Amino acid sequence: MARWSWLPRTRRHAPAVPDDETLVFAGSASPRLTAAICRHLGVGVGRGEVLRFSEGTLFVRVLENVRGRQVYIVQSTVFPANDHLMELLFWIDALKRASAASVTAVIPYFSYGKGDKKDEPRVSIRARVCADAIESAGADRVVTMDLHASQIQGFFRAPVDDLYAVGRLCAALRSRVPERPVVVSPDAGFAKKAAAFADRLDAPIAIAAKTRAGHEERIERVRLIGEVAGRDAILVDDFTVSGGTLIEAAEELRRCGARSVIAAITHAVFAPGTAARLEASPIEHLLVTDTVETQPEPLGARVEVVSVAPLFAEAIRRIHRRESISSLFTESSGGTGA
């Protein structure tokens, strides 16, 4: 039987929110991000543990008194996606059964975000199934980041706050971007969000239009729309798994005369072999956030991690105080807050 736990609960700084009213717990997929969030809030990580039995089942136990409190559980749902999704449901259920006043599921990376539509016969809308399960377990609110499709918010009846990493990534990019860069979206679907990067960096935008066969993670063709010759290109996207989209786009950018290529993505969902492929690609530097921390392999020397803990901490602080979080969305385009 494997055991994962947070013990003991210690205070790092003077509390920025009342410690007797708020508790932030870490799922086993997000312990480092949760610890960073708690440091910004000035509270300790809530005590709890996850047991993994030999037959593969999970057991979650809350080791704090949560009766009547506003509680937050931080858990990305990836590597292994199904285990961490089930663990999140058990956390929510355990906290509700322990009489928490409210449970907010903080899901930095929502792994089934790609399953947002029924685009062929006899398939499941996976994101909707996950949303129903999270609500059925008892979540009163969801906080996430850069959902793959904004309509997923509509799958929930509970409030959903979809935060955006563009501000944190652009702040890191400014010190690395030469003059007159061009922001490149790796496909037409991400063009609107790429425009938020372009606006912040005062740069034009180009699109690397791609075609893909079925559900295979293999690009058949990339066609560039926009001028990149003689410019330093910044590829932006919400996540990468195999690295194929970014690498194919980077190769096309260099063929079209781009002087250099760097990239910035929110979710570093790196499958085995991705880091090695990126090391051999034209991408000189890749910025990612810390929404995913359970990758099966190290990220590689070209990857730099930008923390989004301050953004999640501020969202939790405002939700806890019943304050508007709209200003957290006005810094990026395409989002609304409550």
C-alpha atoms as a PDB file:
ATOM      1  CA  MET A   1       0.000   0.000   0.000  1.00  0.00           C
ATOM      2  CA  ALA A   2       1.432   3.359  -1.047  1.00  0.00           C
ATOM      3  CA  ARG A   3       0.795   6.455   1.035  1.00  0.00           C
ATOM      4  CA  TRP A   4       0.886  10.130   0.104  1.00  0.00           C
ATOM      5  CA  SER A   5       0.169  12.741   2.733  1.00  0.00           C
ATOM      6  CA  TRP A   6       0.629  16.331   3.859  1.00  0.00           C
ATOM      7  CA  LEU A   7       1.812  16.367   7.489  1.00  0.00           C
ATOM      8  CA  PRO A   8       2.107  18.477   9.544  1.00  0.00           C
ATOM      9  CA  ARG A   9       0.306  21.694   8.720  1.00  0.00           C
ATOM     10  CA  THR A  10       2.694  24.602   9.290  1.00  0.00           C
ATOM     11  CA  ARG A  11       2.411  28.339   8.790  1.00  0.00           C
ATOM     12  CA  ARG A  12       5.039  29.984   6.582  1.00  0.00           C
ATOM     13  CA  HIS A  13       3.979  33.642   6.855  1.00  0.00           C
ATOM     14  CA  ALA A  14       1.441  35.783   8.674  1.00  0.00           C
ATOM     15  CA  PRO A  15      -1.940  34.809   7.231  1.00  0.00           C
ATOM     16  CA  ALA A  16      -3.320  36.977   4.451  1.00  0.00           C
ATOM     17  CA  VAL A  17      -6.716  35.312   4.861  1.00  0.00           C
ATOM     18  CA  PRO A  18      -8.138  34.059   8.193  1.00  0.00           C
ATOM     19  CA  ASP A  19      -6.521  30.687   8.882  1.00  0.00           C
ATOM     20  CA  ASP A  20      -9.530  29.515  10.911  1.00  0.00           C
ATOM     21  CA  GLU A  21     -11.884  30.009   7.974  1.00  0.00           C
ATOM     22  CA  THR A  22     -10.024  28.775   4.908  1.00  0.00           C
ATOM     23  CA  LEU A  23      -8.223  25.543   4.180  1.00  0.00           C
ATOM     24  CA  VAL A  24      -6.300  24.609   1.029  1.00  0.00           C
ATOM     25  CA  PHE A  25      -5.613  20.918   0.439  1.00  0.00           C
ATOM     26  CA  ALA A  26      -3.170  19.391  -2.038  1.00  0.00           C
ATOM     27  CA  GLY A  27      -4.091  16.456  -4.207  1.00  0.00           C
ATOM     28  CA  SER A  28      -1.217  14.131  -5.035  1.00  0.00           C
ATOM     29  CA  ALA A  29      -0.996  15.573  -8.573  1.00  0.00           C
ATOM     30  CA  SER A  30      -0.287  19.155  -7.420  1.00  0.00           C
ATOM     31  CA  PRO A  31       1.697  19.264  -4.157  1.00  0.00           C
ATOM     32  CA  ARG A  32       4.328  21.798  -5.276  1.00  0.00           C
ATOM     33  CA  LEU A  33       1.839  24.200  -6.835  1.00  0.00           C
ATOM     34  CA  THR A  34      -0.392  23.945  -3.757  1.00  0.00           C
ATOM     35  CA  ALA A  35       2.527  24.696  -1.458  1.00  0.00           C
ATOM     36  CA  ALA A  36       3.376  27.769  -3.547  1.00  0.00           C
ATOM     37  CA  ILE A  37      -0.258  28.925  -3.499  1.00  0.00           C
ATOM     38  CA  CYS A  38      -0.354  28.557   0.282  1.00  0.00           C
ATOM     39  CA  ARG A  39       2.864  30.548   0.676  1.00  0.00           C
ATOM     40  CA  HIS A  40       1.248  33.420  -1.220  1.00  0.00           C
ATOM     41  CA  LEU A  41      -1.859  33.142   0.956  1.00  0.00           C
ATOM     42  CA  GLY A  42       0.176  32.911   4.127  1.00  0.00           C
ATOM     43  CA  VAL A  43      -1.408  29.639   5.280  1.00  0.00           C
ATOM     44  CA  GLY A  44      -0.210  26.078   5.649  1.00  0.00           C
ATOM     45  CA  VAL A  45      -1.301  23.233   3.408  1.00  0.00           C
ATOM     46  CA  GLY A  46      -4.272  21.354   4.867  1.00  0.00           C
ATOM     47  CA  ARG A  47      -3.463  17.949   6.311  1.00  0.00           C
ATOM     48  CA  GLY A  48      -4.716  14.923   4.449  1.00  0.00           C
ATOM     49  CA  GLU A  49      -3.528  11.695   2.888  1.00  0.00           C
ATOM     50  CA  VAL A  50      -4.120   9.472  -0.115  1.00  0.00           C
ATOM     51  CA  LEU A  51      -3.623   5.709   0.161  1.00  0.00           C
ATOM     52  CA  ARG A  52      -3.096   3.569  -2.927  1.00  0.00           C
ATOM     53  CA  PHE A  53      -3.900  -0.087  -2.387  1.00  0.00           C
ATOM     54  CA  SER A  54      -2.262  -2.974  -4.224  1.00  0.00           C
ATOM     55  CA  GLU A  55      -5.305  -3.647  -6.410  1.00  0.00           C
ATOM     56  CA  GLY A  56      -5.181  -0.074  -7.719  1.00  0.00           C
ATOM     57  CA  THR A  57      -7.947   1.594  -5.687  1.00  0.00           C
ATOM     58  CA  LEU A  58      -7.572   4.889  -3.829  1.00  0.00           C
ATOM     59  CA  PHE A  59      -8.524   6.003  -0.336  1.00  0.00           C
ATOM     60  CA  VAL A  60      -8.644   9.699   0.659  1.00  0.00           C
ATOM     61  CA  ARG A  61      -8.639  10.859   4.262  1.00  0.00           C
ATOM     62  CA  VAL A  62      -8.986  14.453   5.519  1.00  0.00           C
ATOM     63  CA  LEU A  63      -6.946  15.078   8.674  1.00  0.00           C
ATOM     64  CA  GLU A  64      -8.323  18.552   9.477  1.00  0.00           C
ATOM     65  CA  ASN A  65     -11.557  19.751  11.032  1.00  0.00           C
ATOM     66  CA  VAL A  66     -13.319  21.337   8.038  1.00  0.00           C
ATOM     67  CA  ARG A  67     -16.792  21.699   9.547  1.00  0.00           C
ATOM     68  CA  GLY A  68     -18.355  24.963   8.412  1.00  0.00           C
ATOM     69  CA  ARG A  69     -15.248  26.103   6.508  1.00  0.00           C
ATOM     70  CA  GLN A  70     -14.631  27.211   2.944  1.00  0.00           C
ATOM     71  CA  VAL A  71     -12.292  24.567   1.561  1.00  0.00           C
ATOM     72  CA  TYR A  72     -10.159  24.428  -1.604  1.00  0.00           C
ATOM     73  CA  ILE A  73      -8.671  21.264  -3.109  1.00  0.00           C
ATOM     74  CA  VAL A  74      -5.941  21.703  -5.745  1.00  0.00           C
ATOM     75  CA  GLN A  75      -5.578  18.822  -8.180  1.00  0.00           C
ATOM     76  CA  SER A  76      -4.582  18.621 -11.838  1.00  0.00           C
ATOM     77  CA  THR A  77      -6.025  15.608 -13.631  1.00  0.00           C
ATOM     78  CA  VAL A  78      -3.154  14.141 -15.639  1.00  0.00           C
ATOM     79  CA  PHE A  79      -0.356  11.524 -15.396  1.00  0.00           C
ATOM     80  CA  PRO A  80      -2.155   9.304 -14.559  1.00  0.00           C
ATOM     81  CA  ALA A  81      -5.240  11.197 -15.693  1.00  0.00           C
ATOM     82  CA  ASN A  82      -7.907   8.735 -14.596  1.00  0.00           C
ATOM     83  CA  ASP A  83      -6.357   8.103 -11.176  1.00  0.00           C
ATOM     84  CA  HIS A  84      -6.040  11.793 -10.453  1.00  0.00           C
ATOM     85  CA  LEU A  85      -9.564  12.519 -11.650  1.00  0.00           C
ATOM     86  CA  MET A  86     -10.955   9.810  -9.360  1.00  0.00           C
ATOM     87  CA  GLU A  87      -8.816  11.098  -6.500  1.00  0.00           C
ATOM     88  CA  LEU A  88     -10.268  14.585  -7.011  1.00  0.00           C
ATOM     89  CA  LEU A  89     -13.791  13.178  -6.769  1.00  0.00           C
ATOM     90  CA  PHE A  90     -12.905  11.349  -3.544  1.00  0.00           C
ATOM     91  CA  TRP A  91     -11.396  14.531  -2.079  1.00  0.00           C
ATOM     92  CA  ILE A  92     -14.544  16.500  -2.850  1.00  0.00           C
ATOM     93  CA  ASP A  93     -16.770  13.789  -1.408  1.00  0.00           C
ATOM     94  CA  ALA A  94     -14.667  13.431   1.742  1.00  0.00           C
ATOM     95  CA  LEU A  95     -14.678  17.172   2.360  1.00  0.00           C
ATOM     96  CA  LYS A  96     -18.434  17.476   1.840  1.00  0.00           C
ATOM     97  CA  ARG A  97     -19.102  14.505   4.142  1.00  0.00           C
ATOM     98  CA  ALA A  98     -16.889  16.208   6.742  1.00  0.00           C
ATOM     99  CA  SER A  99     -19.385  19.128   6.664  1.00  0.00           C
ATOM    100  CA  ALA A 100     -17.305  21.720   4.818  1.00  0.00           C
ATOM    101  CA  ALA A 101     -19.424  24.802   4.136  1.00  0.00           C
ATOM    102  CA  SER A 102     -18.216  24.869   0.526  1.00  0.00           C
ATOM    103  CA  VAL A 103     -15.701  22.999  -1.605  1.00  0.00           C
ATOM    104  CA  THR A 104     -13.930  24.694  -4.494  1.00  0.00           C
ATOM    105  CA  ALA A 105     -12.163  22.357  -6.911  1.00  0.00           C
ATOM    106  CA  VAL A 106      -9.023  24.106  -8.163  1.00  0.00           C
ATOM    107  CA  ILE A 107      -8.094  22.168 -11.299  1.00  0.00           C
ATOM    108  CA  PRO A 108      -4.997  23.814 -12.816  1.00  0.00           C
ATOM    109  CA  TYR A 109      -5.099  21.475 -15.822  1.00  0.00           C
ATOM    110  CA  PHE A 110      -8.403  19.894 -16.866  1.00  0.00           C
ATOM    111  CA  SER A 111      -7.151  16.897 -18.821  1.00  0.00           C
ATOM    112  CA  TYR A 112     -10.344  15.952 -20.653  1.00  0.00           C
ATOM    113  CA  GLY A 113     -10.704  19.448 -22.108  1.00  0.00           C
ATOM    114  CA  LYS A 114     -10.142  18.134 -25.636  1.00  0.00           C
ATOM    115  CA  GLY A 115     -13.310  16.018 -25.368  1.00  0.00           C
ATOM    116  CA  ASP A 116     -15.617  19.024 -25.635  1.00  0.00           C
ATOM    117  CA  LYS A 117     -17.884  18.047 -28.535  1.00  0.00           C
ATOM    118  CA  LYS A 118     -19.554  15.177 -30.353  1.00  0.00           C
ATOM    119  CA  ASP A 119     -17.878  15.506 -33.740  1.00  0.00           C
ATOM    120  CA  GLU A 120     -18.478  11.946 -34.959  1.00  0.00           C
ATOM    121  CA  PRO A 121     -21.078   9.233 -34.350  1.00  0.00           C
ATOM    122  CA  ARG A 122     -21.194   7.121 -31.186  1.00  0.00           C
ATOM    123  CA  VAL A 123     -18.615   8.986 -29.100  1.00  0.00           C
ATOM    124  CA  SER A 124     -18.726  10.419 -25.596  1.00  0.00           C
ATOM    125  CA  ILE A 125     -18.511  14.117 -24.797  1.00  0.00           C
ATOM    126  CA  ARG A 126     -15.852  13.400 -22.212  1.00  0.00           C
ATOM    127  CA  ALA A 127     -15.535  16.882 -20.736  1.00  0.00           C
ATOM    128  CA  ARG A 128     -19.271  16.922 -20.003  1.00  0.00           C
ATOM    129  CA  VAL A 129     -19.062  13.541 -18.238  1.00  0.00           C
ATOM    130  CA  CYS A 130     -16.189  14.824 -16.079  1.00  0.00           C
ATOM    131  CA  ALA A 131     -18.084  18.037 -15.286  1.00  0.00           C
ATOM    132  CA  ASP A 132     -21.142  16.038 -14.208  1.00  0.00           C
ATOM    133  CA  ALA A 133     -18.982  13.810 -11.989  1.00  0.00           C
ATOM    134  CA  ILE A 134     -17.242  16.753 -10.302  1.00  0.00           C
ATOM    135  CA  GLU A 135     -20.571  18.410  -9.563  1.00  0.00           C
ATOM    136  CA  SER A 136     -22.167  15.175  -8.408  1.00  0.00           C
ATOM    137  CA  ALA A 137     -19.298  14.636  -5.971  1.00  0.00           C
ATOM    138  CA  GLY A 138     -20.226  17.964  -4.381  1.00  0.00           C
ATOM    139  CA  ALA A 139     -18.025  20.730  -5.822  1.00  0.00           C
ATOM    140  CA  ASP A 140     -19.601  24.152  -5.288  1.00  0.00           C
ATOM    141  CA  ARG A 141     -17.208  26.008  -7.583  1.00  0.00           C
ATOM    142  CA  VAL A 142     -14.420  25.246 -10.052  1.00  0.00           C
ATOM    143  CA  VAL A 143     -11.279  27.271 -10.681  1.00  0.00           C
ATOM    144  CA  THR A 144      -9.140  26.215 -13.621  1.00  0.00           C
ATOM    145  CA  MET A 145      -6.725  27.671 -16.168  1.00  0.00           C
ATOM    146  CA  ASP A 146      -6.758  27.989 -19.949  1.00  0.00           C
ATOM    147  CA  LEU A 147      -9.468  25.478 -20.747  1.00  0.00           C
ATOM    148  CA  HIS A 148      -8.936  24.019 -24.202  1.00  0.00           C
ATOM    149  CA  ALA A 149     -12.443  25.178 -25.191  1.00  0.00           C
ATOM    150  CA  SER A 150     -14.302  27.956 -23.401  1.00  0.00           C
ATOM    151  CA  GLN A 151     -17.683  26.234 -23.860  1.00  0.00           C
ATOM    152  CA  ILE A 152     -16.629  23.671 -21.234  1.00  0.00           C
ATOM    153  CA  GLN A 153     -17.614  26.263 -18.629  1.00  0.00           C
ATOM    154  CA  GLY A 154     -21.194  25.723 -19.781  1.00  0.00           C
ATOM    155  CA  PHE A 155     -20.993  22.017 -18.945  1.00  0.00           C
ATOM    156  CA  PHE A 156     -21.043  22.986 -15.256  1.00  0.00           C
ATOM    157  CA  ARG A 157     -24.011  24.402 -13.385  1.00  0.00           C
ATOM    158  CA  ALA A 158     -21.673  25.577 -10.628  1.00  0.00           C
ATOM    159  CA  PRO A 159     -19.610  28.756 -11.199  1.00  0.00           C
ATOM    160  CA  VAL A 160     -16.413  28.227 -13.188  1.00  0.00           C
ATOM    161  CA  ASP A 161     -13.478  30.650 -13.165  1.00  0.00           C
ATOM    162  CA  ASP A 162     -11.201  29.988 -16.137  1.00  0.00           C
ATOM    163  CA  LEU A 163      -7.991  31.895 -15.405  1.00  0.00           C
ATOM    164  CA  TYR A 164      -5.518  32.869 -18.120  1.00  0.00           C
ATOM    165  CA  ALA A 165      -1.745  32.418 -18.051  1.00  0.00           C
ATOM    166  CA  VAL A 166      -1.060  35.025 -20.752  1.00  0.00           C
ATOM    167  CA  GLY A 167      -0.089  37.732 -18.262  1.00  0.00           C
ATOM    168  CA  ARG A 168       2.434  35.571 -16.408  1.00  0.00           C
ATOM    169  CA  LEU A 169       3.921  34.176 -19.637  1.00  0.00           C
ATOM    170  CA  CYS A 170       4.198  37.572 -21.324  1.00  0.00           C
ATOM    171  CA  ALA A 171       5.924  39.022 -18.281  1.00  0.00           C
ATOM    172  CA  ALA A 172       8.548  36.287 -18.641  1.00  0.00           C
ATOM    173  CA  LEU A 173       8.734  36.690 -22.418  1.00  0.00           C
ATOM    174  CA  ARG A 174       9.471  40.422 -22.352  1.00  0.00           C
ATOM    175  CA  SER A 175      12.990  39.915 -21.023  1.00  0.00           C
ATOM    176  CA  ARG A 176      13.724  37.334 -23.723  1.00  0.00           C
ATOM    177  CA  VAL A 177      12.084  38.767 -26.831  1.00  0.00           C
ATOM    178  CA  PRO A 178      14.170  40.906 -29.211  1.00  0.00           C
ATOM    179  CA  GLU A 179      12.626  43.851 -31.022  1.00  0.00           C
ATOM    180  CA  ARG A 180       9.931  43.314 -33.649  1.00  0.00           C
ATOM    181  CA  PRO A 181       8.890  39.743 -32.840  1.00  0.00           C
ATOM    182  CA  VAL A 182       5.896  38.011 -34.395  1.00  0.00           C
ATOM    183  CA  VAL A 183       3.451  35.932 -32.343  1.00  0.00           C
ATOM    184  CA  VAL A 184       2.444  32.701 -34.069  1.00  0.00           C
ATOM    185  CA  SER A 185      -0.625  30.608 -33.356  1.00  0.00           C
ATOM    186  CA  PRO A 186      -0.003  26.933 -34.207  1.00  0.00           C
ATOM    187  CA  ASP A 187      -3.542  26.607 -35.610  1.00  0.00           C
ATOM    188  CA  ALA A 188      -6.563  28.725 -36.453  1.00  0.00           C
ATOM    189  CA  GLY A 189      -8.426  27.615 -33.324  1.00  0.00           C
ATOM    190  CA  PHE A 190      -5.929  29.321 -31.015  1.00  0.00           C
ATOM    191  CA  ALA A 191      -5.735  32.553 -33.028  1.00  0.00           C
ATOM    192  CA  LYS A 192      -8.003  34.564 -30.701  1.00  0.00           C
ATOM    193  CA  LYS A 193      -5.967  33.664 -27.621  1.00  0.00           C
ATOM    194  CA  ALA A 194      -2.725  34.235 -29.539  1.00  0.00           C
ATOM    195  CA  ALA A 195      -3.976  37.758 -30.247  1.00  0.00           C
ATOM    196  CA  ALA A 196      -3.879  38.425 -26.485  1.00  0.00           C
ATOM    197  CA  PHE A 197      -0.157  37.619 -26.526  1.00  0.00           C
ATOM    198  CA  ALA A 198       0.354  39.807 -29.578  1.00  0.00           C
ATOM    199  CA  ASP A 199      -1.459  42.750 -27.955  1.00  0.00           C
ATOM    200  CA  ARG A 200       0.610  42.503 -24.791  1.00  0.00           C
ATOM    201  CA  LEU A 201       3.892  42.197 -26.697  1.00  0.00           C
ATOM    202  CA  ASP A 202       2.921  44.847 -29.293  1.00  0.00           C
ATOM    203  CA  ALA A 203       3.606  42.357 -32.070  1.00  0.00           C
ATOM    204  CA  PRO A 204       1.866  41.206 -35.278  1.00  0.00           C
ATOM    205  CA  ILE A 205       0.318  37.764 -35.453  1.00  0.00           C
ATOM    206  CA  ALA A 206       0.710  34.857 -37.876  1.00  0.00           C
ATOM    207  CA  ILE A 207      -1.055  31.483 -38.045  1.00  0.00           C
ATOM    208  CA  ALA A 208       0.475  28.097 -38.808  1.00  0.00           C
ATOM    209  CA  ALA A 209      -2.601  26.327 -40.186  1.00  0.00           C
ATOM    210  CA  LYS A 210      -2.362  22.551 -39.758  1.00  0.00           C
ATOM    211  CA  THR A 211      -4.210  19.469 -40.945  1.00  0.00           C
ATOM    212  CA  ARG A 212      -4.323  16.264 -38.919  1.00  0.00           C
ATOM    213  CA  ALA A 213      -5.531  12.750 -39.757  1.00  0.00           C
ATOM    214  CA  GLY A 214      -8.224  11.446 -37.382  1.00  0.00           C
ATOM    215  CA  HIS A 215      -7.171  11.193 -33.717  1.00  0.00           C
ATOM    216  CA  GLU A 216      -3.513  10.519 -34.478  1.00  0.00           C
ATOM    217  CA  GLU A 217      -1.061  12.931 -32.876  1.00  0.00           C
ATOM    218  CA  ARG A 218       0.640  13.456 -36.235  1.00  0.00           C
ATOM    219  CA  ILE A 219       0.539  16.586 -38.374  1.00  0.00           C
ATOM    220  CA  GLU A 220       0.086  15.996 -42.105  1.00  0.00           C
ATOM    221  CA  ARG A 221       0.668  19.535 -43.345  1.00  0.00           C
ATOM    222  CA  VAL A 222       1.444  23.014 -42.009  1.00  0.00           C
ATOM    223  CA  ARG A 223       0.712  26.167 -44.020  1.00  0.00           C
ATOM    224  CA  LEU A 224       1.864  29.544 -42.732  1.00  0.00           C
ATOM    225  CA  ILE A 225      -0.412  32.589 -42.937  1.00  0.00           C
ATOM    226  CA  GLY A 226       1.415  35.859 -42.224  1.00  0.00           C
ATOM    227  CA  GLU A 227       4.864  37.431 -42.557  1.00  0.00           C
ATOM    228  CA  VAL A 228       7.690  36.002 -40.463  1.00  0.00           C
ATOM    229  CA  ALA A 229      10.805  36.472 -42.615  1.00  0.00           C
ATOM    230  CA  GLY A 230      13.582  38.199 -40.710  1.00  0.00           C
ATOM    231  CA  ARG A 231      11.622  38.200 -37.437  1.00  0.00           C
ATOM    232  CA  ASP A 232      11.968  36.361 -34.161  1.00  0.00           C
ATOM    233  CA  ALA A 233       8.897  34.131 -33.812  1.00  0.00           C
ATOM    234  CA  ILE A 234       7.053  33.317 -30.599  1.00  0.00           C
ATOM    235  CA  LEU A 235       4.885  30.199 -30.836  1.00  0.00           C
ATOM    236  CA  VAL A 236       2.037  30.171 -28.298  1.00  0.00           C
ATOM    237  CA  ASP A 237      -0.473  27.443 -27.382  1.00  0.00           C
ATOM    238  CA  ASP A 238      -2.475  26.161 -24.435  1.00  0.00           C
ATOM    239  CA  PHE A 239      -0.714  22.773 -24.141  1.00  0.00           C
ATOM    240  CA  THR A 240       1.452  20.229 -25.886  1.00  0.00           C
ATOM    241  CA  VAL A 241       1.547  16.454 -25.472  1.00  0.00           C
ATOM    242  CA  SER A 242       3.841  15.007 -28.139  1.00  0.00           C
ATOM    243  CA  GLY A 243       5.317  18.354 -29.169  1.00  0.00           C
ATOM    244  CA  GLY A 244       4.364  17.617 -32.763  1.00  0.00           C
ATOM    245  CA  THR A 245       2.286  20.749 -33.373  1.00  0.00           C
ATOM    246  CA  LEU A 246       4.952  23.080 -31.984  1.00  0.00           C
ATOM    247  CA  ILE A 247       7.829  21.355 -33.753  1.00  0.00           C
ATOM    248  CA  GLU A 248       6.130  21.206 -37.156  1.00  0.00           C
ATOM    249  CA  ALA A 249       5.168  24.869 -36.839  1.00  0.00           C
ATOM    250  CA  ALA A 250       8.715  25.807 -35.790  1.00  0.00           C
ATOM    251  CA  GLU A 251      10.200  23.978 -38.767  1.00  0.00           C
ATOM    252  CA  GLU A 252       7.809  25.766 -41.123  1.00  0.00           C
ATOM    253  CA  LEU A 253       8.703  29.102 -39.529  1.00  0.00           C
ATOM    254  CA  ARG A 254      12.387  28.532 -40.156  1.00  0.00           C
ATOM    255  CA  ARG A 255      11.704  27.455 -43.743  1.00  0.00           C
ATOM    256  CA  CYS A 256       9.822  30.715 -44.211  1.00  0.00           C
ATOM    257  CA  GLY A 257      12.750  32.796 -42.971  1.00  0.00           C
ATOM    258  CA  ALA A 258      12.093  33.328 -39.255  1.00  0.00           C
ATOM    259  CA  ARG A 259      15.320  34.397 -37.539  1.00  0.00           C
ATOM    260  CA  SER A 260      14.640  32.399 -34.377  1.00  0.00           C
ATOM    261  CA  VAL A 261      11.801  30.484 -32.709  1.00  0.00           C
ATOM    262  CA  ILE A 262      10.858  30.342 -29.029  1.00  0.00           C
ATOM    263  CA  ALA A 263       7.585  29.068 -27.587  1.00  0.00           C
ATOM    264  CA  ALA A 264       5.280  29.646 -24.626  1.00  0.00           C
ATOM    265  CA  ILE A 265       2.524  27.278 -23.536  1.00  0.00           C
ATOM    266  CA  THR A 266       0.387  26.983 -20.425  1.00  0.00           C
ATOM    267  CA  HIS A 267       0.240  23.243 -19.766  1.00  0.00           C
ATOM    268  CA  ALA A 268       3.394  21.138 -20.172  1.00  0.00           C
ATOM    269  CA  VAL A 269       1.623  17.824 -20.784  1.00  0.00           C
ATOM    270  CA  PHE A 270       4.779  16.056 -21.932  1.00  0.00           C
ATOM    271  CA  ALA A 271       4.400  12.415 -22.943  1.00  0.00           C
ATOM    272  CA  PRO A 272       7.474  10.144 -22.965  1.00  0.00           C
ATOM    273  CA  GLY A 273       9.903  11.332 -25.645  1.00  0.00           C
ATOM    274  CA  THR A 274       8.517  14.862 -25.924  1.00  0.00           C
ATOM    275  CA  ALA A 275      11.453  16.543 -24.196  1.00  0.00           C
ATOM    276  CA  ALA A 276      13.936  14.772 -26.487  1.00  0.00           C
ATOM    277  CA  ARG A 277      11.977  15.804 -29.581  1.00  0.00           C
ATOM    278  CA  LEU A 278      11.923  19.420 -28.417  1.00  0.00           C
ATOM    279  CA  GLU A 279      15.678  19.327 -27.765  1.00  0.00           C
ATOM    280  CA  ALA A 280      16.222  18.306 -31.400  1.00  0.00           C
ATOM    281  CA  SER A 281      13.799  20.908 -32.788  1.00  0.00           C
ATOM    282  CA  PRO A 282      14.332  24.514 -33.972  1.00  0.00           C
ATOM    283  CA  ILE A 283      12.654  25.776 -30.765  1.00  0.00           C
ATOM    284  CA  GLU A 284      15.438  27.439 -28.822  1.00  0.00           C
ATOM    285  CA  HIS A 285      13.541  28.075 -25.596  1.00  0.00           C
ATOM    286  CA  LEU A 286      10.171  26.970 -24.229  1.00  0.00           C
ATOM    287  CA  LEU A 287       8.277  28.658 -21.394  1.00  0.00           C
ATOM    288  CA  VAL A 288       5.644  26.617 -19.539  1.00  0.00           C
ATOM    289  CA  THR A 289       3.685  27.066 -16.315  1.00  0.00           C
ATOM    290  CA  ASP A 290       3.581  24.802 -13.274  1.00  0.00           C
ATOM    291  CA  THR A 291      -0.001  23.566 -13.765  1.00  0.00           C
ATOM    292  CA  VAL A 292       1.364  20.074 -14.512  1.00  0.00           C
ATOM    293  CA  GLU A 293       4.045  18.557 -12.282  1.00  0.00           C
ATOM    294  CA  THR A 294       3.658  14.792 -12.778  1.00  0.00           C
ATOM    295  CA  GLN A 295       5.235  14.377 -16.217  1.00  0.00           C
ATOM    296  CA  PRO A 296       6.715  10.901 -16.783  1.00  0.00           C
ATOM    297  CA  GLU A 297      10.088  12.400 -17.771  1.00  0.00           C
ATOM    298  CA  PRO A 298      12.101  15.559 -16.943  1.00  0.00           C
ATOM    299  CA  LEU A 299      11.119  18.605 -18.977  1.00  0.00           C
ATOM    300  CA  GLY A 300      14.558  19.160 -20.516  1.00  0.00           C
ATOM    301  CA  ALA A 301      17.192  21.893 -20.562  1.00  0.00           C
ATOM    302  CA  ARG A 302      15.343  24.196 -22.969  1.00  0.00           C
ATOM    303  CA  VAL A 303      12.248  24.423 -20.783  1.00  0.00           C
ATOM    304  CA  GLU A 304      11.705  27.170 -18.210  1.00  0.00           C
ATOM    305  CA  VAL A 305       8.833  26.962 -15.701  1.00  0.00           C
ATOM    306  CA  VAL A 306       6.865  30.123 -14.887  1.00  0.00           C
ATOM    307  CA  SER A 307       4.749  29.823 -11.737  1.00  0.00           C
ATOM    308  CA  VAL A 308       1.053  30.694 -11.836  1.00  0.00           C
ATOM    309  CA  ALA A 309       0.711  30.220  -8.067  1.00  0.00           C
ATOM    310  CA  PRO A 310       0.250  33.989  -7.475  1.00  0.00           C
ATOM    311  CA  LEU A 311      -2.712  34.048  -9.850  1.00  0.00           C
ATOM    312  CA  PHE A 312      -4.419  31.054  -8.245  1.00  0.00           C
ATOM    313  CA  ALA A 313      -3.703  32.437  -4.774  1.00  0.00           C
ATOM    314  CA  GLU A 314      -5.291  35.771  -5.636  1.00  0.00           C
ATOM    315  CA  ALA A 315      -8.350  34.016  -7.085  1.00  0.00           C
ATOM    316  CA  ILE A 316      -8.738  31.941  -3.911  1.00  0.00           C
ATOM    317  CA  ARG A 317      -8.276  35.023  -1.731  1.00  0.00           C
ATOM    318  CA  ARG A 318     -10.986  36.941  -3.564  1.00  0.00           C
ATOM    319  CA  ILE A 319     -13.410  34.014  -3.710  1.00  0.00           C
ATOM    320  CA  HIS A 320     -12.905  33.455  -0.004  1.00  0.00           C
ATOM    321  CA  ARG A 321     -13.616  37.115   0.767  1.00  0.00           C
ATOM    322  CA  ARG A 322     -16.571  37.152  -1.638  1.00  0.00           C
ATOM    323  CA  GLU A 323     -14.859  39.783  -3.776  1.00  0.00           C
ATOM    324  CA  SER A 324     -15.049  40.101  -7.544  1.00  0.00           C
ATOM    325  CA  ILE A 325     -12.268  38.465  -9.496  1.00  0.00           C
ATOM    326  CA  SER A 326     -13.122  40.236 -12.754  1.00  0.00           C
ATOM    327  CA  SER A 327      -9.845  42.160 -12.763  1.00  0.00           C
ATOM    328  CA  LEU A 328      -8.006  38.852 -13.006  1.00  0.00           C
ATOM    329  CA  PHE A 329      -9.634  38.370 -16.417  1.00  0.00           C
ATOM    330  CA  THR A 330      -9.356  41.878 -17.826  1.00  0.00           C
ATOM    331  CA  GLU A 331      -5.595  41.422 -18.212  1.00  0.00           C
ATOM    332  CA  SER A 332      -6.260  38.830 -20.922  1.00  0.00           C
ATOM    333  CA  SER A 333      -8.783  38.626 -23.698  1.00  0.00           C
ATOM    334  CA  GLY A 334     -11.672  36.266 -24.110  1.00  0.00           C
ATOM    335  CA  GLY A 335     -12.665  35.638 -20.486  1.00  0.00           C
ATOM    336  CA  THR A 336     -15.295  36.706 -18.014  1.00  0.00           C
ATOM    337  CA  GLY A 337     -15.294  36.434 -14.261  1.00  0.00           C
ATOM    338  CA  ALA A 338     -17.814  36.564 -11.470  1.00  0.00           C
END
